[in-house]
């Protein structure tokens, strides 16, 4: 639930309690919620950004996402699954 925004956290938490979901069922619901297409996901991604993401993923060894606005602001997201994986990513960056 922590990976969701506060509104979605409350919404899914209510469902968890009401339906008595297990931890695995809750995780599956969160994954489903996060994978649902949004308006920003429907725009085709710039091929140069895709190429850069792929290059960074190959160098770092972890999934990378680049998001930017028309005003030039953006976010670089690097995902990891464990603290050991995070340590490896940080070693690559140093």
N, C-alpha and C. Protein backbone atom coordinates (compact mmCIF):
# COMPACT_ATOMS: atom_id res chain seq x y z
N UNK A 1 0.81 -1.20 0.00
CA UNK A 1 0.00 0.00 0.00
C UNK A 1 0.85 1.26 0.00
N UNK A 2 2.09 1.16 0.50
CA UNK A 2 2.93 2.35 0.61
C UNK A 2 3.30 2.94 -0.74
N UNK A 3 3.28 2.15 -1.80
CA UNK A 3 3.65 2.67 -3.11
C UNK A 3 2.53 3.48 -3.77
N UNK A 4 1.36 3.51 -3.15
CA UNK A 4 0.22 4.23 -3.70
C UNK A 4 0.11 5.63 -3.12
N UNK A 5 -0.59 6.51 -3.83
CA UNK A 5 -0.87 7.83 -3.27
C UNK A 5 -1.88 7.67 -2.12
N UNK A 6 -2.03 8.69 -1.30
CA UNK A 6 -2.83 8.56 -0.08
C UNK A 6 -4.30 8.22 -0.36
N UNK A 7 -4.88 8.77 -1.43
CA UNK A 7 -6.27 8.45 -1.75
C UNK A 7 -6.43 6.97 -2.10
N UNK A 8 -5.53 6.46 -2.92
CA UNK A 8 -5.59 5.06 -3.32
C UNK A 8 -5.32 4.14 -2.13
N UNK A 9 -4.40 4.57 -1.24
CA UNK A 9 -4.12 3.78 -0.03
C UNK A 9 -5.39 3.59 0.78
N UNK A 10 -6.11 4.67 1.01
CA UNK A 10 -7.35 4.60 1.79
C UNK A 10 -8.39 3.73 1.10
N UNK A 11 -8.53 3.90 -0.19
CA UNK A 11 -9.52 3.15 -0.96
C UNK A 11 -9.24 1.64 -0.89
N UNK A 12 -8.00 1.26 -1.13
CA UNK A 12 -7.67 -0.17 -1.13
C UNK A 12 -7.66 -0.71 0.29
N UNK A 13 -7.22 0.09 1.26
CA UNK A 13 -7.24 -0.37 2.66
C UNK A 13 -8.67 -0.70 3.11
N UNK A 14 -9.62 0.10 2.67
CA UNK A 14 -11.03 -0.18 3.01
C UNK A 14 -11.47 -1.50 2.40
N UNK A 15 -11.05 -1.75 1.16
CA UNK A 15 -11.40 -3.01 0.51
C UNK A 15 -10.76 -4.19 1.23
N UNK A 16 -9.52 -4.02 1.67
CA UNK A 16 -8.81 -5.09 2.39
C UNK A 16 -9.59 -5.49 3.63
N UNK A 17 -10.02 -4.49 4.39
CA UNK A 17 -10.75 -4.77 5.62
C UNK A 17 -12.13 -5.36 5.30
N UNK A 18 -12.84 -4.76 4.36
CA UNK A 18 -14.19 -5.21 4.03
C UNK A 18 -14.22 -6.63 3.47
N UNK A 19 -13.22 -6.97 2.66
CA UNK A 19 -13.22 -8.26 2.00
C UNK A 19 -12.32 -9.29 2.68
N UNK A 20 -11.58 -8.87 3.71
CA UNK A 20 -10.72 -9.78 4.45
C UNK A 20 -9.60 -10.36 3.60
N UNK A 21 -9.00 -9.54 2.75
CA UNK A 21 -7.94 -10.02 1.86
C UNK A 21 -6.71 -10.43 2.64
N UNK A 22 -5.99 -11.41 2.09
CA UNK A 22 -4.69 -11.80 2.65
C UNK A 22 -3.64 -10.80 2.16
N UNK A 23 -2.44 -10.94 2.67
CA UNK A 23 -1.34 -10.06 2.24
C UNK A 23 -1.10 -10.24 0.74
N UNK A 24 -1.11 -11.47 0.27
CA UNK A 24 -0.87 -11.74 -1.16
C UNK A 24 -1.98 -11.15 -2.03
N UNK A 25 -3.21 -11.25 -1.59
CA UNK A 25 -4.31 -10.66 -2.35
C UNK A 25 -4.19 -9.14 -2.40
N UNK A 26 -3.76 -8.56 -1.28
CA UNK A 26 -3.57 -7.11 -1.22
C UNK A 26 -2.45 -6.69 -2.17
N UNK A 27 -1.34 -7.42 -2.15
CA UNK A 27 -0.23 -7.12 -3.06
C UNK A 27 -0.68 -7.20 -4.52
N UNK A 28 -1.46 -8.22 -4.83
CA UNK A 28 -1.94 -8.37 -6.21
C UNK A 28 -2.83 -7.19 -6.60
N UNK A 29 -3.68 -6.76 -5.69
CA UNK A 29 -4.56 -5.63 -5.98
C UNK A 29 -3.76 -4.35 -6.19
N UNK A 30 -2.74 -4.14 -5.39
CA UNK A 30 -1.88 -2.96 -5.55
C UNK A 30 -1.17 -3.01 -6.89
N UNK A 31 -0.62 -4.17 -7.27
CA UNK A 31 0.04 -4.32 -8.57
C UNK A 31 -0.95 -4.01 -9.70
N UNK A 32 -2.15 -4.53 -9.57
CA UNK A 32 -3.18 -4.28 -10.59
C UNK A 32 -3.49 -2.78 -10.69
N UNK A 33 -3.62 -2.13 -9.55
CA UNK A 33 -3.92 -0.70 -9.53
C UNK A 33 -2.78 0.09 -10.19
N UNK A 34 -1.53 -0.27 -9.87
CA UNK A 34 -0.39 0.46 -10.42
C UNK A 34 -0.21 0.21 -11.91
N UNK A 35 -0.63 -0.94 -12.40
CA UNK A 35 -0.45 -1.24 -13.82
C UNK A 35 -1.60 -0.73 -14.68
N UNK A 36 -2.67 -0.25 -14.07
CA UNK A 36 -3.80 0.27 -14.83
C UNK A 36 -3.36 1.49 -15.63
N UNK A 37 -3.73 1.56 -16.91
CA UNK A 37 -3.30 2.70 -17.72
C UNK A 37 -3.92 4.01 -17.23
N UNK A 38 -3.12 5.04 -17.24
CA UNK A 38 -3.60 6.37 -16.90
C UNK A 38 -3.52 7.25 -18.14
N UNK A 39 -4.01 8.45 -18.04
CA UNK A 39 -3.98 9.35 -19.20
C UNK A 39 -2.56 9.60 -19.67
N UNK A 40 -1.60 9.73 -18.75
CA UNK A 40 -0.22 9.99 -19.15
C UNK A 40 0.42 8.76 -19.78
N UNK A 41 -0.05 7.55 -19.42
CA UNK A 41 0.50 6.33 -20.00
C UNK A 41 0.07 6.13 -21.45
N UNK A 42 -0.99 6.78 -21.87
CA UNK A 42 -1.53 6.55 -23.19
C UNK A 42 -0.76 7.30 -24.28
N UNK A 43 0.00 8.32 -23.93
CA UNK A 43 0.79 9.04 -24.92
C UNK A 43 1.99 8.19 -25.31
N UNK A 44 2.33 8.15 -26.60
CA UNK A 44 3.52 7.40 -26.99
C UNK A 44 4.77 8.07 -26.42
N UNK A 45 5.69 7.25 -25.96
CA UNK A 45 6.91 7.77 -25.34
C UNK A 45 7.92 8.16 -26.42
N UNK A 46 8.64 9.22 -26.15
CA UNK A 46 9.67 9.70 -27.06
C UNK A 46 10.72 8.59 -27.25
N UNK A 47 11.03 8.24 -28.50
CA UNK A 47 12.01 7.17 -28.75
C UNK A 47 13.38 7.46 -28.14
N UNK A 48 13.75 8.73 -28.08
CA UNK A 48 15.04 9.08 -27.47
C UNK A 48 15.03 8.78 -25.97
N UNK A 49 13.90 9.02 -25.31
CA UNK A 49 13.78 8.70 -23.89
C UNK A 49 13.82 7.19 -23.67
N UNK A 50 13.16 6.46 -24.52
CA UNK A 50 13.17 5.00 -24.42
C UNK A 50 14.60 4.48 -24.57
N UNK A 51 15.32 5.00 -25.53
CA UNK A 51 16.72 4.61 -25.76
C UNK A 51 17.57 4.94 -24.53
N UNK A 52 17.38 6.12 -23.96
CA UNK A 52 18.13 6.52 -22.78
C UNK A 52 17.78 5.63 -21.59
N UNK A 53 16.51 5.33 -21.40
CA UNK A 53 16.10 4.43 -20.32
C UNK A 53 16.77 3.06 -20.47
N UNK A 54 16.76 2.54 -21.69
CA UNK A 54 17.39 1.24 -21.94
C UNK A 54 18.88 1.27 -21.67
N UNK A 55 19.53 2.36 -22.07
CA UNK A 55 20.97 2.51 -21.82
C UNK A 55 21.26 2.54 -20.32
N UNK A 56 20.48 3.33 -19.59
CA UNK A 56 20.68 3.42 -18.14
C UNK A 56 20.40 2.08 -17.45
N UNK A 57 19.36 1.38 -17.90
CA UNK A 57 19.04 0.08 -17.32
C UNK A 57 20.19 -0.89 -17.52
N UNK A 58 20.80 -0.86 -18.69
CA UNK A 58 21.92 -1.76 -18.96
C UNK A 58 23.14 -1.42 -18.10
N UNK A 59 23.39 -0.14 -17.89
CA UNK A 59 24.56 0.28 -17.10
C UNK A 59 24.37 0.03 -15.62
N UNK A 60 23.15 0.30 -15.12
CA UNK A 60 22.89 0.21 -13.68
C UNK A 60 22.47 -1.20 -13.29
N UNK A 61 21.77 -1.88 -14.18
CA UNK A 61 21.29 -3.21 -13.88
C UNK A 61 19.98 -3.22 -13.12
N UNK A 62 19.18 -2.17 -13.29
CA UNK A 62 17.90 -2.05 -12.60
C UNK A 62 16.93 -1.30 -13.51
N UNK A 63 15.63 -1.55 -13.36
CA UNK A 63 14.64 -0.82 -14.17
C UNK A 63 14.70 0.69 -13.94
N UNK A 64 14.65 1.43 -15.03
CA UNK A 64 14.73 2.89 -14.97
C UNK A 64 13.54 3.48 -15.73
N UNK A 65 12.96 4.53 -15.19
CA UNK A 65 11.89 5.25 -15.86
C UNK A 65 12.21 6.74 -15.83
N UNK A 66 12.04 7.39 -16.97
CA UNK A 66 12.27 8.83 -17.07
C UNK A 66 10.93 9.47 -17.42
N UNK A 67 10.53 10.44 -16.62
CA UNK A 67 9.30 11.18 -16.89
C UNK A 67 9.64 12.66 -16.91
N UNK A 68 9.08 13.35 -17.88
CA UNK A 68 9.34 14.80 -17.94
C UNK A 68 8.11 15.52 -18.44
N UNK A 69 8.04 16.79 -18.08
CA UNK A 69 6.91 17.62 -18.51
C UNK A 69 7.34 18.49 -19.68
N UNK A 70 6.38 19.13 -20.27
CA UNK A 70 6.66 20.03 -21.39
C UNK A 70 7.49 21.23 -20.95
N UNK A 71 7.43 21.54 -19.65
CA UNK A 71 8.18 22.68 -19.13
C UNK A 71 9.64 22.34 -18.84
N UNK A 72 10.03 21.09 -19.04
CA UNK A 72 11.42 20.70 -18.86
C UNK A 72 11.72 20.04 -17.52
N UNK A 73 10.77 20.04 -16.60
CA UNK A 73 10.98 19.38 -15.31
C UNK A 73 10.76 17.89 -15.49
N UNK A 74 11.36 17.10 -14.58
CA UNK A 74 11.17 15.67 -14.73
C UNK A 74 11.59 14.89 -13.52
N UNK A 75 11.55 13.58 -13.71
CA UNK A 75 11.86 12.66 -12.62
C UNK A 75 12.57 11.45 -13.22
N UNK A 76 13.64 11.01 -12.57
CA UNK A 76 14.35 9.79 -12.93
C UNK A 76 14.08 8.78 -11.83
N UNK A 77 13.47 7.66 -12.18
CA UNK A 77 13.08 6.65 -11.19
C UNK A 77 13.87 5.38 -11.43
N UNK A 78 14.54 4.91 -10.38
CA UNK A 78 15.29 3.66 -10.42
C UNK A 78 14.65 2.72 -9.41
N UNK A 79 14.18 1.58 -9.88
CA UNK A 79 13.50 0.63 -8.99
C UNK A 79 14.47 -0.45 -8.52
N UNK A 80 14.26 -0.89 -7.28
CA UNK A 80 15.05 -2.00 -6.73
C UNK A 80 14.14 -2.83 -5.84
N UNK A 81 14.53 -4.09 -5.63
CA UNK A 81 13.69 -5.02 -4.88
C UNK A 81 14.23 -5.36 -3.50
N UNK A 82 15.46 -4.97 -3.21
CA UNK A 82 16.03 -5.28 -1.90
C UNK A 82 17.13 -4.27 -1.60
N UNK A 83 17.52 -4.22 -0.35
CA UNK A 83 18.60 -3.31 0.04
C UNK A 83 19.92 -3.72 -0.60
N UNK A 84 20.11 -5.02 -0.81
CA UNK A 84 21.33 -5.48 -1.47
C UNK A 84 21.37 -4.97 -2.92
N UNK A 85 20.22 -5.01 -3.58
CA UNK A 85 20.15 -4.50 -4.94
C UNK A 85 20.41 -2.99 -4.95
N UNK A 86 19.88 -2.27 -3.98
CA UNK A 86 20.14 -0.84 -3.87
C UNK A 86 21.62 -0.57 -3.68
N UNK A 87 22.29 -1.36 -2.84
CA UNK A 87 23.73 -1.21 -2.64
C UNK A 87 24.50 -1.39 -3.96
N UNK A 88 24.08 -2.38 -4.76
CA UNK A 88 24.72 -2.60 -6.05
C UNK A 88 24.52 -1.42 -6.99
N UNK A 89 23.32 -0.87 -6.99
CA UNK A 89 23.04 0.30 -7.84
C UNK A 89 23.89 1.48 -7.41
N UNK A 90 23.98 1.71 -6.11
CA UNK A 90 24.78 2.83 -5.61
C UNK A 90 26.26 2.65 -5.94
N UNK A 91 26.75 1.41 -5.91
CA UNK A 91 28.16 1.17 -6.30
C UNK A 91 28.37 1.52 -7.77
N UNK A 92 27.40 1.23 -8.62
CA UNK A 92 27.52 1.58 -10.03
C UNK A 92 27.52 3.09 -10.25
N UNK A 93 26.81 3.81 -9.39
CA UNK A 93 26.72 5.25 -9.55
C UNK A 93 27.93 6.01 -9.03
N UNK A 94 28.68 5.37 -8.16
CA UNK A 94 29.83 6.07 -7.55
C UNK A 94 31.05 6.05 -8.44
